[in-house]
Amino acid sequence: VAALSRIIEFWNLRNKLNITGDPCAQNATWAPETANPRVSCSCDATICHIIHLKVYALDVSGEIPIELFDLKELMDLNLGQNVLGGPIPAEIGQLSKMQYLSLGINNLTGTLPPELGNLTKLISLSFSSNNFNGPLPPQLGNLTSLQQLYIDSSGLSGPIPQELANLKSLQNLWASDNQFTGKFPEFIGTFTELRDLRLQGTSLEGPIPSSLRNLDKLDSLRIGDLGGADSSLDFLGNQTSLSILILRNSRISGQIPDEIGTFLKLQLLDLSFNKLTGNIPSSFQNFPLLRYMYLGNNGLSGEIPANIISSNLVSLDVSFNPLFGKLPLNFARVGLSM
């Protein structure tokens, strides 16, 4: 209770979270899942522990108070979308029962503490949109229960540690807009539970490993802005659950495989700013749900398939390709760039 009271005072939350007695009181207004700020507890016959703390989007500023780490039973901590500054204290590693940790959209700085690797029960970890520096600590590879990792736009740099290959349970990995260097990690192709992979706006180098062909549960794949060696599209073929496929500016060469035409759930397809050659596959006339198709700035040739503009398509860009022949049917109905 004393630790919670000091946290409330430190963040000037007394007018929003006026807990003067037992924070675990039955039917407390601050306990429901929808409450914000939220404090909820787990109680047995003799003792109660605070296990949930949410202070979300309340313009809380200052550093993370050290008293927070006295709440050793915390399982869910959400401090997202505030104005918190300073580093993540190393004491974060004391919260070993944590399952959900959200620190995204703040002004946190410094390097990530290796003690994050002590939180081996984590299911979801988010520190996107902050101002950290330095690399990802290899100790994050200890978080083998992790299903969601959101680290985009967080200021990180350096190679992606090989130890992250241990994160076989990952379903969502957002790592765009960081200065990661080195080769595109081969081990990502072993994350067979992945649904959403985002790696755009980094300094990673190709080629994209063919092992990504194993990721047949993907719903969204966003890779872009790669340097290094060229890639082919051989890593595609089994991802028939994809609704979003963005490979913009990824140094992809060669022809577009017909298999992409079997991705019937696609709603957005972006292969622009690459080195693709050959024809636009006739199978691209088969997308029933596609709304946006961007194939511009490649070396595609031949005729545009006549029925490429399906009933749901609202934008088609095939500009800056040596295409010829008749305009596709219904071209006037969409925003066609040629």
Foldseek 3Di string as FASTA:
>chain_A
DVLVVVQCVLQVPCVPDVDPDDLADPPDPQDDPPHAQHWYWDDDPPDIATAEGAHEQPQGEEEDDPSVLVRQNHAEYHPEQHAYEEADDLSVLSNQNHAYEEQDNYAYEEAHHLSVLSNQNHQEDAHAQYQYEEADRLSVLSNQNYAYYHHDNHAYEEAHDPSVLSNLNHAEDAHAQYAYEEADDPSVLNNQNHAEYAYEHYAHADDDDLSLLSNQNYQEDHYADHHHAAYEPNSDQRNLNYQYDHYEHRQYEEEDDLSVLSSQNHAEAAPEPYAYEEADDLSLLRRARHAYHHHDHYAYEEEDRQNNDHPRHAEYEHYPYHYDDDDHPPPVRHHYHD
